[in-house]
């Protein structure tokens, strides 16, 4: 549990400095230790949104909503992921 907290805090520190790829990696390590902790999934979803990885963000939010069906952050970040995916589809259609 101590390692989990340390990794999560390191991920949070990376988010604060805008290092989203590194933060996502820390949250992924957390998930190997505890797959039921929803905050690391919503935090990683935020990182994926910042990195324009909308499908990955949506997947993390879907996972959280299976565990906590009223998680507001998961709903909000999933909506942002859907929005990003729609913009990407529109841009691809114009190519």
N, C-alpha and C. Protein backbone atom coordinates (compact mmCIF):
# COMPACT_ATOMS: atom_id res chain seq x y z
N UNK A 1 0.83 -1.20 0.00
CA UNK A 1 0.00 0.00 0.00
C UNK A 1 0.87 1.26 0.00
N UNK A 2 2.00 1.18 0.67
CA UNK A 2 2.91 2.33 0.73
C UNK A 2 3.46 2.66 -0.66
N UNK A 3 3.82 1.62 -1.42
CA UNK A 3 4.33 1.81 -2.77
C UNK A 3 3.26 2.45 -3.66
N UNK A 4 2.02 2.01 -3.50
CA UNK A 4 0.90 2.56 -4.25
C UNK A 4 0.78 4.06 -4.01
N UNK A 5 0.80 4.47 -2.76
CA UNK A 5 0.68 5.89 -2.42
C UNK A 5 1.83 6.70 -2.99
N UNK A 6 3.03 6.14 -2.91
CA UNK A 6 4.21 6.84 -3.43
C UNK A 6 4.08 7.04 -4.94
N UNK A 7 3.70 5.99 -5.65
CA UNK A 7 3.54 6.08 -7.11
C UNK A 7 2.45 7.08 -7.49
N UNK A 8 1.34 7.03 -6.76
CA UNK A 8 0.23 7.95 -7.04
C UNK A 8 0.68 9.40 -6.82
N UNK A 9 1.39 9.66 -5.73
CA UNK A 9 1.88 11.01 -5.45
C UNK A 9 2.87 11.47 -6.52
N UNK A 10 3.72 10.55 -6.97
CA UNK A 10 4.66 10.90 -8.04
C UNK A 10 3.88 11.26 -9.32
N UNK A 11 2.84 10.48 -9.61
CA UNK A 11 2.00 10.78 -10.76
C UNK A 11 1.35 12.15 -10.62
N UNK A 12 0.83 12.44 -9.44
CA UNK A 12 0.20 13.74 -9.19
C UNK A 12 1.20 14.88 -9.39
N UNK A 13 2.44 14.68 -8.94
CA UNK A 13 3.47 15.70 -9.11
C UNK A 13 3.77 15.94 -10.59
N UNK A 14 3.82 14.86 -11.37
CA UNK A 14 4.05 15.00 -12.81
C UNK A 14 2.91 15.78 -13.47
N UNK A 15 1.67 15.52 -13.04
CA UNK A 15 0.52 16.25 -13.60
C UNK A 15 0.68 17.75 -13.32
N UNK A 16 1.07 18.08 -12.10
CA UNK A 16 1.21 19.49 -11.72
C UNK A 16 2.24 20.22 -12.58
N UNK A 17 3.24 19.48 -13.08
CA UNK A 17 4.28 20.11 -13.90
C UNK A 17 4.02 19.91 -15.40
N UNK A 18 2.87 19.32 -15.74
CA UNK A 18 2.51 19.17 -17.14
C UNK A 18 3.19 18.01 -17.84
N UNK A 19 3.76 17.10 -17.08
CA UNK A 19 4.44 15.93 -17.66
C UNK A 19 3.46 14.75 -17.67
N UNK A 20 2.54 14.79 -18.62
CA UNK A 20 1.41 13.87 -18.62
C UNK A 20 1.78 12.44 -18.99
N UNK A 21 2.74 12.27 -19.87
CA UNK A 21 3.16 10.91 -20.24
C UNK A 21 3.76 10.20 -19.02
N UNK A 22 4.63 10.91 -18.29
CA UNK A 22 5.25 10.34 -17.09
C UNK A 22 4.19 10.06 -16.03
N UNK A 23 3.25 10.97 -15.88
CA UNK A 23 2.18 10.77 -14.89
C UNK A 23 1.35 9.55 -15.25
N UNK A 24 0.99 9.40 -16.52
CA UNK A 24 0.20 8.25 -16.94
C UNK A 24 0.94 6.95 -16.64
N UNK A 25 2.26 6.96 -16.83
CA UNK A 25 3.05 5.76 -16.52
C UNK A 25 3.01 5.42 -15.03
N UNK A 26 3.07 6.44 -14.18
CA UNK A 26 3.01 6.21 -12.73
C UNK A 26 1.64 5.65 -12.34
N UNK A 27 0.57 6.22 -12.92
CA UNK A 27 -0.77 5.71 -12.61
C UNK A 27 -0.94 4.28 -13.11
N UNK A 28 -0.33 3.95 -14.24
CA UNK A 28 -0.40 2.58 -14.75
C UNK A 28 0.28 1.61 -13.78
N UNK A 29 1.40 2.05 -13.21
CA UNK A 29 2.08 1.22 -12.21
C UNK A 29 1.18 1.02 -10.98
N UNK A 30 0.47 2.06 -10.59
CA UNK A 30 -0.47 1.97 -9.46
C UNK A 30 -1.52 0.89 -9.74
N UNK A 31 -2.00 0.85 -10.97
CA UNK A 31 -3.07 -0.08 -11.33
C UNK A 31 -2.63 -1.53 -11.22
N UNK A 32 -1.34 -1.77 -11.39
CA UNK A 32 -0.82 -3.13 -11.23
C UNK A 32 -0.93 -3.57 -9.77
N UNK A 33 -0.91 -2.60 -8.85
CA UNK A 33 -0.99 -2.89 -7.42
C UNK A 33 -2.42 -2.91 -6.91
N UNK A 34 -3.30 -2.12 -7.54
CA UNK A 34 -4.69 -2.04 -7.09
C UNK A 34 -5.59 -1.64 -8.27
N UNK A 35 -6.36 -2.59 -8.77
CA UNK A 35 -7.22 -2.33 -9.94
C UNK A 35 -8.55 -1.71 -9.55
N UNK A 36 -8.84 -1.61 -8.28
CA UNK A 36 -10.14 -1.10 -7.82
C UNK A 36 -10.11 0.37 -7.40
N UNK A 37 -8.94 0.98 -7.36
CA UNK A 37 -8.82 2.38 -6.94
C UNK A 37 -9.17 3.29 -8.11
N UNK A 38 -10.34 3.88 -8.06
CA UNK A 38 -10.87 4.65 -9.19
C UNK A 38 -10.10 5.93 -9.48
N UNK A 39 -9.52 6.54 -8.45
CA UNK A 39 -8.87 7.83 -8.69
C UNK A 39 -7.69 7.72 -9.65
N UNK A 40 -6.97 6.60 -9.63
CA UNK A 40 -5.83 6.49 -10.55
C UNK A 40 -6.32 6.35 -11.99
N UNK A 41 -7.50 5.76 -12.18
CA UNK A 41 -8.06 5.66 -13.53
C UNK A 41 -8.53 7.02 -14.02
N UNK A 42 -9.21 7.78 -13.17
CA UNK A 42 -9.66 9.10 -13.61
C UNK A 42 -8.47 10.05 -13.78
N UNK A 43 -7.44 9.88 -12.96
CA UNK A 43 -6.23 10.69 -13.13
C UNK A 43 -5.53 10.35 -14.44
N UNK A 44 -5.43 9.05 -14.74
CA UNK A 44 -4.79 8.66 -15.99
C UNK A 44 -5.63 9.12 -17.19
N UNK A 45 -6.95 9.08 -17.03
CA UNK A 45 -7.82 9.58 -18.10
C UNK A 45 -7.53 11.05 -18.38
N UNK A 46 -7.32 11.84 -17.33
CA UNK A 46 -6.96 13.24 -17.51
C UNK A 46 -5.67 13.36 -18.32
N UNK A 47 -4.68 12.55 -17.98
CA UNK A 47 -3.41 12.57 -18.72
C UNK A 47 -3.64 12.23 -20.19
N UNK A 48 -4.43 11.20 -20.43
CA UNK A 48 -4.71 10.80 -21.81
C UNK A 48 -5.42 11.92 -22.57
N UNK A 49 -6.33 12.61 -21.92
CA UNK A 49 -7.00 13.74 -22.57
C UNK A 49 -6.00 14.81 -22.96
N UNK A 50 -5.08 15.11 -22.07
CA UNK A 50 -4.06 16.13 -22.35
C UNK A 50 -3.13 15.69 -23.48
N UNK A 51 -2.98 14.36 -23.64
CA UNK A 51 -2.12 13.82 -24.69
C UNK A 51 -2.90 13.50 -25.97
N UNK A 52 -4.18 13.88 -26.01
CA UNK A 52 -5.07 13.62 -27.16
C UNK A 52 -5.26 12.13 -27.43
N UNK A 53 -5.19 11.32 -26.38
CA UNK A 53 -5.43 9.87 -26.49
C UNK A 53 -6.86 9.61 -25.99
N UNK A 54 -7.81 9.99 -26.82
CA UNK A 54 -9.21 10.00 -26.39
C UNK A 54 -9.77 8.60 -26.17
N UNK A 55 -9.42 7.66 -27.00
CA UNK A 55 -9.93 6.29 -26.85
C UNK A 55 -9.46 5.69 -25.52
N UNK A 56 -8.20 5.92 -25.17
CA UNK A 56 -7.66 5.42 -23.91
C UNK A 56 -8.34 6.09 -22.71
N UNK A 57 -8.59 7.39 -22.83
CA UNK A 57 -9.28 8.12 -21.76
C UNK A 57 -10.68 7.57 -21.56
N UNK A 58 -11.38 7.34 -22.67
CA UNK A 58 -12.74 6.79 -22.60
C UNK A 58 -12.72 5.42 -21.93
N UNK A 59 -11.75 4.59 -22.28
CA UNK A 59 -11.65 3.25 -21.71
C UNK A 59 -11.46 3.30 -20.19
N UNK A 60 -10.58 4.20 -19.73
CA UNK A 60 -10.37 4.34 -18.28
C UNK A 60 -11.65 4.79 -17.58
N UNK A 61 -12.35 5.73 -18.17
CA UNK A 61 -13.60 6.23 -17.57
C UNK A 61 -14.67 5.14 -17.56
N UNK A 62 -14.75 4.37 -18.63
CA UNK A 62 -15.71 3.25 -18.66
C UNK A 62 -15.43 2.27 -17.53
N UNK A 63 -14.15 2.00 -17.28
CA UNK A 63 -13.77 1.08 -16.20
C UNK A 63 -14.24 1.62 -14.85
N UNK A 64 -14.00 2.90 -14.61
CA UNK A 64 -14.42 3.51 -13.34
C UNK A 64 -15.93 3.42 -13.18
N UNK A 65 -16.66 3.72 -14.25
CA UNK A 65 -18.12 3.73 -14.15
C UNK A 65 -18.70 2.34 -13.94
N UNK A 66 -17.95 1.30 -14.27
CA UNK A 66 -18.39 -0.06 -13.94
C UNK A 66 -18.28 -0.32 -12.44
N UNK A 67 -17.31 0.34 -11.81
CA UNK A 67 -17.10 0.17 -10.37
C UNK A 67 -17.96 1.15 -9.57
N UNK A 68 -17.93 2.42 -9.99
CA UNK A 68 -18.69 3.49 -9.34
C UNK A 68 -19.56 4.16 -10.39
N UNK A 69 -20.81 3.77 -10.46
CA UNK A 69 -21.67 4.24 -11.55
C UNK A 69 -22.11 5.71 -11.43
N UNK A 70 -21.67 6.39 -10.39
CA UNK A 70 -22.04 7.80 -10.24
C UNK A 70 -20.80 8.69 -10.08
N UNK A 71 -19.65 8.22 -10.56
CA UNK A 71 -18.41 8.98 -10.44
C UNK A 71 -18.43 10.17 -11.40
N UNK A 72 -18.53 11.37 -10.86
CA UNK A 72 -18.69 12.58 -11.65
C UNK A 72 -17.47 12.84 -12.54
N UNK A 73 -16.26 12.66 -11.99
CA UNK A 73 -15.06 12.89 -12.80
C UNK A 73 -15.02 11.95 -14.00
N UNK A 74 -15.41 10.71 -13.79
CA UNK A 74 -15.40 9.74 -14.89
C UNK A 74 -16.41 10.14 -15.96
N UNK A 75 -17.60 10.57 -15.55
CA UNK A 75 -18.60 11.03 -16.52
C UNK A 75 -18.09 12.23 -17.30
N UNK A 76 -17.52 13.20 -16.60
CA UNK A 76 -17.05 14.42 -17.24
C UNK A 76 -15.90 14.13 -18.21
N UNK A 77 -14.93 13.36 -17.74
CA UNK A 77 -13.77 13.09 -18.59
C UNK A 77 -14.13 12.18 -19.76
N UNK A 78 -15.11 11.30 -19.57
CA UNK A 78 -15.57 10.48 -20.69
C UNK A 78 -16.25 11.37 -21.73
N UNK A 79 -17.02 12.35 -21.27
CA UNK A 79 -17.66 13.28 -22.21
C UNK A 79 -16.60 14.05 -23.00
N UNK A 80 -15.53 14.47 -22.35
CA UNK A 80 -14.44 15.16 -23.05
C UNK A 80 -13.77 14.24 -24.06
N UNK A 81 -13.64 12.96 -23.70
CA UNK A 81 -13.04 11.98 -24.62
C UNK A 81 -13.93 11.81 -25.85
N UNK A 82 -15.26 11.69 -25.62
CA UNK A 82 -16.18 11.58 -26.75
C UNK A 82 -16.09 12.82 -27.65
N UNK A 83 -16.01 13.97 -27.05
CA UNK A 83 -15.90 15.22 -27.82
C UNK A 83 -14.62 15.20 -28.65
N UNK A 84 -13.53 14.79 -28.06
CA UNK A 84 -12.26 14.71 -28.78
C UNK A 84 -12.32 13.72 -29.93
N UNK A 85 -12.98 12.60 -29.70
CA UNK A 85 -13.11 11.60 -30.76
C UNK A 85 -13.96 12.13 -31.91
N UNK A 86 -15.01 12.88 -31.60
CA UNK A 86 -15.85 13.45 -32.66
C UNK A 86 -15.09 14.48 -33.49
N UNK A 87 -14.31 15.32 -32.84
CA UNK A 87 -13.52 16.32 -33.56
C UNK A 87 -12.52 15.61 -34.47
N UNK A 88 -11.89 14.56 -33.95
CA UNK A 88 -10.92 13.81 -34.75
C UNK A 88 -11.59 13.20 -35.98
N UNK A 89 -12.79 12.63 -35.80
CA UNK A 89 -13.51 12.02 -36.93
C UNK A 89 -13.84 13.06 -37.99
N UNK A 90 -14.28 14.24 -37.53
CA UNK A 90 -14.61 15.32 -38.48
C UNK A 90 -13.37 15.75 -39.25
N UNK A 91 -12.25 15.88 -38.56
CA UNK A 91 -11.01 16.27 -39.23
C UNK A 91 -10.54 15.21 -40.21
N UNK A 92 -10.71 13.95 -39.88
CA UNK A 92 -10.31 12.86 -40.76
C UNK A 92 -11.21 12.81 -41.99
N UNK A 93 -12.47 13.16 -41.83
CA UNK A 93 -13.40 13.14 -42.95
C UNK A 93 -13.02 14.21 -43.99
N UNK A 94 -12.40 15.27 -43.53
CA UNK A 94 -12.00 16.34 -44.43
C UNK A 94 -10.72 16.08 -45.20
N UNK A 95 -10.04 14.99 -44.85
CA UNK A 95 -8.76 14.69 -45.51
C UNK A 95 -8.98 14.02 -46.84
